[in-house]
């Protein structure tokens, strides 16, 4: 089966074989939900797997089961001499700040937030750029003029996604109606597919025929409910088109896999640097998925519109509002 994804060409530079350099001992600590969550964690896992295949180097890993294990896992890897150590998810920030201070010679990375330390590389994404694109596609695909969004934990990062989605949808249909719900306010909001399904069905009952999710494992319930109702879902983080073929309009691709590969390769080649790395459409860190599982759902006009918007965002002709810059979202319908 032929499969393509829509990205910046810059991505190929990240996935190229690394230059020969000092041997490293990388490790990765996943967030709650585990490495097979079909979403954020799994993207990191696939990056680690590709790094293993490309280099032949082992990557130690740990799947936490509770919050107390965050610091324990990071500290154990550091004591064992692992470096670099990647922490997947913003919830590791507090634990990483402590451990990084105690192990100044160890290289650490954290995905999805910033930790200011001389031995930490913070990897963040411009998710709102990709959310704009899938919002545009959702509005073009909707027959009712009503679309939905289900987020996981109610945090600014997910509000940023929702805001970009709204702006993209309104760019092609100023009158589109958008329903927005968050699954919860604790870490459990990422791993409750039953709750995700309930929220999706409530939006469908109100007329939504396309529903995007940014909710980790909870989002799988959103996609399932949309498919069961004969509606369309939109995946996030990983390519989730194949979970319900023909019922997932597209997936917002957040290249956590490429970020992990880049971090490990930089450490191996001696190019690793602390500080913040920001990845968006221009860098190939964000995209949307087009493959055999959703190709029939995306018309030529839809694809052309998304590609034109991608170019305009990269060129600065379209400015997608970043909710995290001011805590506001123009035209927001509010959360339910």
Protein backbone atom coordinates (compact mmCIF):
# COMPACT_ATOMS: atom_id res chain seq x y z
CA UNK A 1 0.00 0.00 0.00
CA UNK A 2 1.42 3.36 -0.99
CA UNK A 3 1.47 5.97 1.73
CA UNK A 4 2.49 9.59 1.74
CA UNK A 5 2.56 12.31 4.35
CA UNK A 6 2.61 16.06 3.83
CA UNK A 7 5.67 17.73 5.37
CA UNK A 8 8.42 20.22 4.76
CA UNK A 9 11.39 18.81 2.87
CA UNK A 10 13.53 19.77 5.85
CA UNK A 11 12.44 16.55 7.54
CA UNK A 12 14.75 14.52 5.32
CA UNK A 13 17.75 16.23 6.88
CA UNK A 14 16.75 14.98 10.34
CA UNK A 15 16.32 11.38 9.28
CA UNK A 16 19.59 11.10 7.37
CA UNK A 17 22.23 8.76 8.76
CA UNK A 18 24.29 10.55 11.41
CA UNK A 19 27.97 11.27 11.04
CA UNK A 20 30.34 8.97 12.85
CA UNK A 21 31.13 10.28 16.31
CA UNK A 22 31.43 9.34 19.95
CA UNK A 23 29.33 6.40 21.07
CA UNK A 24 26.44 7.40 23.30
CA UNK A 25 24.13 5.58 25.68
CA UNK A 26 20.67 7.05 25.01
CA UNK A 27 17.58 6.45 27.09
CA UNK A 28 13.97 7.53 26.95
CA UNK A 29 11.26 7.92 29.60
CA UNK A 30 7.71 7.81 28.26
CA UNK A 31 4.74 9.62 29.71
CA UNK A 32 1.57 8.05 31.13
CA UNK A 33 -0.21 5.99 28.50
CA UNK A 34 2.86 4.07 27.44
CA UNK A 35 4.80 3.65 24.24
CA UNK A 36 1.94 1.98 22.38
CA UNK A 37 -0.67 4.70 22.91
CA UNK A 38 -1.12 5.17 19.13
CA UNK A 39 -0.30 8.81 19.69
CA UNK A 40 2.34 11.02 21.35
CA UNK A 41 4.35 8.37 23.20
CA UNK A 42 4.30 6.01 20.28
CA UNK A 43 5.78 8.69 18.07
CA UNK A 44 8.75 8.90 20.44
CA UNK A 45 9.01 5.11 20.50
CA UNK A 46 9.12 4.96 16.71
CA UNK A 47 11.88 7.56 16.70
CA UNK A 48 13.90 5.48 19.17
CA UNK A 49 13.30 2.36 17.08
CA UNK A 50 14.52 4.06 13.91
CA UNK A 51 17.59 5.33 15.72
CA UNK A 52 18.33 1.77 16.86
CA UNK A 53 17.92 0.46 13.32
CA UNK A 54 20.08 3.19 11.77
CA UNK A 55 22.93 3.08 14.27
CA UNK A 56 22.84 -0.32 15.94
CA UNK A 57 22.96 1.43 19.32
CA UNK A 58 20.76 0.27 22.17
CA UNK A 59 18.21 2.69 23.64
CA UNK A 60 17.08 2.01 27.19
CA UNK A 61 13.50 2.93 27.94
CA UNK A 62 11.00 3.12 30.77
CA UNK A 63 7.20 3.42 30.77
CA UNK A 64 6.02 5.18 33.92
CA UNK A 65 2.89 3.99 35.69
CA UNK A 66 2.50 6.93 38.06
CA UNK A 67 3.87 10.42 38.63
CA UNK A 68 6.28 9.35 41.35
CA UNK A 69 8.23 7.28 38.83
CA UNK A 70 9.21 10.29 36.71
CA UNK A 71 12.09 11.40 38.91
CA UNK A 72 12.99 7.83 39.84
CA UNK A 73 13.41 6.77 36.21
CA UNK A 74 15.38 9.85 35.16
CA UNK A 75 17.66 9.60 38.18
CA UNK A 76 18.30 5.88 37.68
CA UNK A 77 19.24 6.34 34.03
CA UNK A 78 21.57 9.23 34.93
CA UNK A 79 23.26 7.18 37.67
CA UNK A 80 23.77 4.36 35.18
CA UNK A 81 25.62 6.70 32.84
CA UNK A 82 22.94 6.99 30.15
CA UNK A 83 23.18 10.09 27.98
CA UNK A 84 21.31 11.70 26.35
CA UNK A 85 18.13 10.99 28.30
CA UNK A 86 14.86 12.07 26.68
CA UNK A 87 11.77 12.79 28.79
CA UNK A 88 8.62 12.60 26.68
CA UNK A 89 5.93 15.03 27.83
CA UNK A 90 5.57 18.32 29.69
CA UNK A 91 4.67 16.55 32.93
CA UNK A 92 8.30 15.51 33.37
CA UNK A 93 9.43 19.14 33.74
CA UNK A 94 9.61 19.35 37.53
CA UNK A 95 11.38 16.02 37.93
CA UNK A 96 13.80 16.77 35.11
CA UNK A 97 14.75 20.15 36.59
CA UNK A 98 15.81 18.41 39.81
CA UNK A 99 17.70 15.56 38.18
CA UNK A 100 19.47 17.71 35.60
CA UNK A 101 20.86 19.88 38.39
CA UNK A 102 22.27 16.81 40.17
CA UNK A 103 23.86 15.38 37.01
CA UNK A 104 25.39 18.36 35.19
CA UNK A 105 27.50 16.20 32.86
CA UNK A 106 24.47 14.32 31.52
CA UNK A 107 22.61 15.55 28.46
CA UNK A 108 18.83 15.63 28.86
CA UNK A 109 15.98 16.47 26.51
CA UNK A 110 12.33 17.17 27.21
CA UNK A 111 9.55 17.19 24.65
CA UNK A 112 6.64 19.65 24.78
CA UNK A 113 7.88 22.16 27.33
CA UNK A 114 10.92 24.18 28.35
CA UNK A 115 13.29 23.51 31.22
CA UNK A 116 16.01 26.11 31.58
CA UNK A 117 19.27 24.34 32.44
CA UNK A 118 22.71 24.22 30.84
CA UNK A 119 22.40 20.49 30.14
CA UNK A 120 18.78 20.34 28.92
CA UNK A 121 17.51 20.61 25.37
CA UNK A 122 13.83 21.64 25.31
CA UNK A 123 11.91 20.56 22.20
CA UNK A 124 8.63 22.36 21.54
CA UNK A 125 6.32 22.48 18.55
CA UNK A 126 4.21 25.06 16.78
CA UNK A 127 1.16 22.81 16.95
CA UNK A 128 -1.13 25.72 16.13
CA UNK A 129 0.24 25.78 12.57
CA UNK A 130 -0.82 22.20 11.91
CA UNK A 131 -4.07 22.70 13.77
CA UNK A 132 -4.88 25.55 11.38
CA UNK A 133 -4.48 23.15 8.44
CA UNK A 134 -6.68 20.39 9.86
CA UNK A 135 -9.27 23.00 10.89
CA UNK A 136 -9.32 24.22 7.31
CA UNK A 137 -9.82 20.66 6.07
CA UNK A 138 -12.52 19.99 8.66
CA UNK A 139 -14.55 23.02 7.61
CA UNK A 140 -14.23 22.13 3.94
CA UNK A 141 -15.30 18.53 4.59
CA UNK A 142 -18.24 19.37 6.87
CA UNK A 143 -21.70 19.12 5.35
CA UNK A 144 -23.50 20.51 8.37
CA UNK A 145 -21.29 23.53 8.96
CA UNK A 146 -20.71 22.20 12.49
CA UNK A 147 -17.45 20.66 13.64
CA UNK A 148 -16.01 19.59 16.98
CA UNK A 149 -12.83 19.48 19.02
CA UNK A 150 -12.04 17.26 22.00
CA UNK A 151 -8.92 17.98 24.01
CA UNK A 152 -7.33 15.87 26.71
CA UNK A 153 -6.10 17.67 29.81
CA UNK A 154 -7.24 21.29 29.94
CA UNK A 155 -3.87 23.02 29.64
CA UNK A 156 -2.59 25.93 27.51
CA UNK A 157 -0.85 23.53 25.13
CA UNK A 158 -4.17 21.96 24.13
CA UNK A 159 -5.90 25.34 24.03
CA UNK A 160 -3.21 26.32 21.53
CA UNK A 161 -4.27 23.41 19.32
CA UNK A 162 -7.95 24.29 19.66
CA UNK A 163 -7.32 27.93 18.80
CA UNK A 164 -5.37 27.11 15.64
CA UNK A 165 -8.10 24.65 14.63
CA UNK A 166 -10.73 27.36 15.04
CA UNK A 167 -8.75 29.89 13.02
CA UNK A 168 -8.17 27.44 10.18
CA UNK A 169 -11.84 26.47 10.04
CA UNK A 170 -12.98 30.09 10.06
CA UNK A 171 -10.55 30.91 7.23
CA UNK A 172 -12.70 28.93 4.80
CA UNK A 173 -16.10 29.23 6.48
CA UNK A 174 -16.52 32.26 8.76
CA UNK A 175 -19.90 30.91 9.88
CA UNK A 176 -18.75 27.43 10.86
CA UNK A 177 -19.98 26.39 14.32
CA UNK A 178 -17.42 24.72 16.56
CA UNK A 179 -18.09 22.67 19.70
CA UNK A 180 -15.17 22.36 22.12
CA UNK A 181 -14.73 20.09 25.13
CA UNK A 182 -11.82 19.06 27.33
CA UNK A 183 -11.70 15.60 28.90
CA UNK A 184 -10.46 16.68 32.30
CA UNK A 185 -7.99 18.61 34.42
CA UNK A 186 -5.63 15.83 35.55
CA UNK A 187 -3.29 13.39 33.84
CA UNK A 188 -6.12 10.86 33.67
CA UNK A 189 -7.61 12.96 30.86
CA UNK A 190 -5.05 11.45 28.46
CA UNK A 191 -6.09 7.84 28.95
CA UNK A 192 -9.89 7.68 29.09
CA UNK A 193 -11.26 6.58 25.70
CA UNK A 194 -14.73 6.06 27.21
CA UNK A 195 -14.85 9.73 28.19
CA UNK A 196 -13.56 10.67 24.75
CA UNK A 197 -16.36 8.73 23.12
CA UNK A 198 -18.98 10.36 25.34
CA UNK A 199 -17.78 13.86 24.47
CA UNK A 200 -17.67 13.06 20.77
CA UNK A 201 -21.20 11.65 20.80
CA UNK A 202 -22.49 14.75 22.56
CA UNK A 203 -21.02 16.91 19.81
CA UNK A 204 -22.43 14.63 17.12
CA UNK A 205 -25.86 14.94 18.75
CA UNK A 206 -25.54 18.70 18.30
CA UNK A 207 -24.78 18.33 14.61
CA UNK A 208 -21.00 18.02 14.36
CA UNK A 209 -19.93 15.80 11.48
CA UNK A 210 -16.15 16.25 11.77
CA UNK A 211 -14.42 16.04 15.16
CA UNK A 212 -10.74 16.63 15.84
CA UNK A 213 -9.03 15.32 18.95
CA UNK A 214 -5.83 16.18 20.78
CA UNK A 215 -6.27 13.85 23.71
CA UNK A 216 -3.76 11.01 23.65
CA UNK A 217 -5.40 7.67 24.42
CA UNK A 218 -8.68 9.44 25.17
CA UNK A 219 -8.69 10.56 21.56
CA UNK A 220 -8.97 6.98 20.34
CA UNK A 221 -12.45 6.94 21.86
CA UNK A 222 -13.25 10.14 19.96
CA UNK A 223 -12.22 8.59 16.65
CA UNK A 224 -14.13 5.39 17.38
CA UNK A 225 -17.33 7.27 18.25
CA UNK A 226 -17.10 9.35 15.09
CA UNK A 227 -16.55 6.24 12.96
CA UNK A 228 -19.41 4.35 14.62
CA UNK A 229 -21.74 7.28 13.92
CA UNK A 230 -20.69 7.51 10.27
CA UNK A 231 -18.94 10.84 10.88
CA UNK A 232 -15.32 11.89 10.42
CA UNK A 233 -12.60 12.16 13.04
CA UNK A 234 -9.22 13.87 12.90
CA UNK A 235 -6.22 12.24 14.55
CA UNK A 236 -3.31 13.90 16.30
CA UNK A 237 0.40 13.47 16.99
CA UNK A 238 0.81 10.22 15.01
CA UNK A 239 -0.78 9.18 11.72
CA UNK A 240 -4.05 7.68 12.97
CA UNK A 241 -5.73 7.44 9.57
CA UNK A 242 -5.44 3.65 9.59
CA UNK A 243 -7.21 3.18 12.91
CA UNK A 244 -10.60 3.68 11.21
CA UNK A 245 -9.89 3.75 7.46
CA UNK A 246 -12.26 5.97 5.54
CA UNK A 247 -13.51 7.60 8.75
CA UNK A 248 -10.44 9.65 9.75
CA UNK A 249 -10.30 12.75 7.57
CA UNK A 250 -6.61 13.30 8.35
CA UNK A 251 -4.18 13.41 11.26
CA UNK A 252 -2.16 16.32 12.55
CA UNK A 253 1.37 14.98 12.57
CA UNK A 254 3.58 16.10 15.39
CA UNK A 255 6.97 14.65 14.62
CA UNK A 256 8.03 13.54 18.05
CA UNK A 257 9.80 10.66 16.30
CA UNK A 258 11.96 13.04 14.30
CA UNK A 259 12.66 15.16 17.39
CA UNK A 260 13.97 12.11 19.27
CA UNK A 261 16.11 11.06 16.31
CA UNK A 262 17.49 14.56 15.97
CA UNK A 263 18.37 14.77 19.66
CA UNK A 264 20.16 11.41 19.71
CA UNK A 265 21.94 12.03 16.39
CA UNK A 266 23.16 15.44 17.56
CA UNK A 267 24.58 13.89 20.70
CA UNK A 268 26.31 11.20 18.68
CA UNK A 269 27.85 13.64 16.21
CA UNK A 270 28.91 16.16 18.83
CA UNK A 271 26.43 18.79 17.63
CA UNK A 272 24.12 18.57 20.66
CA UNK A 273 23.29 21.90 22.31
CA UNK A 274 21.22 22.90 25.30
CA UNK A 275 18.43 25.43 24.87
CA UNK A 276 15.09 25.47 23.11
CA UNK A 277 14.42 23.91 19.72
CA UNK A 278 11.13 24.96 18.13
CA UNK A 279 9.69 22.86 15.31
CA UNK A 280 6.86 23.79 12.97
CA UNK A 281 5.84 23.50 9.34
CA UNK A 282 9.04 25.12 8.08
CA UNK A 283 11.27 22.64 9.91
CA UNK A 284 9.18 19.60 9.02
CA UNK A 285 8.19 19.06 12.64
CA UNK A 286 4.48 19.50 11.94
CA UNK A 287 2.34 18.24 9.05
CA UNK A 288 -0.86 16.49 8.09
CA UNK A 289 -1.30 12.94 6.85
CA UNK A 290 -2.49 11.94 3.39
CA UNK A 291 -2.41 8.25 2.52
CA UNK A 292 -4.49 5.44 1.07
CA UNK A 293 -6.68 5.35 4.19
CA UNK A 294 -7.99 8.91 3.75
CA UNK A 295 -7.20 9.87 0.16
CA UNK A 296 -10.81 9.45 -0.96
CA UNK A 297 -11.92 11.91 1.73
CA UNK A 298 -9.60 14.74 0.68
CA UNK A 299 -10.71 16.37 -2.55
CA UNK A 300 -8.22 18.04 -4.89
CA UNK A 301 -9.62 21.41 -3.79
CA UNK A 302 -9.05 20.53 -0.13
CA UNK A 303 -5.51 19.38 -0.75
CA UNK A 304 -4.73 22.48 -2.79
CA UNK A 305 -6.14 24.74 -0.06
CA UNK A 306 -4.09 23.01 2.64
CA UNK A 307 -0.92 23.19 0.56
CA UNK A 308 -1.49 26.88 -0.21
CA UNK A 309 -2.07 27.61 3.49
CA UNK A 310 1.08 25.67 4.40
CA UNK A 311 3.15 27.80 2.04
CA UNK A 312 1.53 30.99 3.31
CA UNK A 313 2.22 30.10 6.95
CA UNK A 314 5.85 29.28 6.18
CA UNK A 315 6.24 32.53 4.23
CA UNK A 316 4.62 34.55 7.00
CA UNK A 317 1.62 35.57 4.90
CA UNK A 318 -0.71 33.80 7.32
CA UNK A 319 -0.08 34.42 11.01
CA UNK A 320 -1.62 31.66 13.12
CA UNK A 321 -2.40 32.92 16.60
CA UNK A 322 -0.49 31.18 19.39
CA UNK A 323 -2.78 30.87 22.42
CA UNK A 324 0.25 30.46 24.68
CA UNK A 325 1.53 33.92 23.75
CA UNK A 326 -1.31 35.71 25.55
CA UNK A 327 -3.75 33.12 26.88
CA UNK A 328 -6.43 34.29 24.46
CA UNK A 329 -8.08 32.89 21.36
CA UNK A 330 -9.86 35.29 18.98
CA UNK A 331 -13.40 34.17 18.20
CA UNK A 332 -13.19 31.32 20.69
CA UNK A 333 -16.50 29.52 21.29
CA UNK A 334 -15.39 28.70 24.84
CA UNK A 335 -14.98 25.31 26.40
CA UNK A 336 -17.80 23.03 27.29
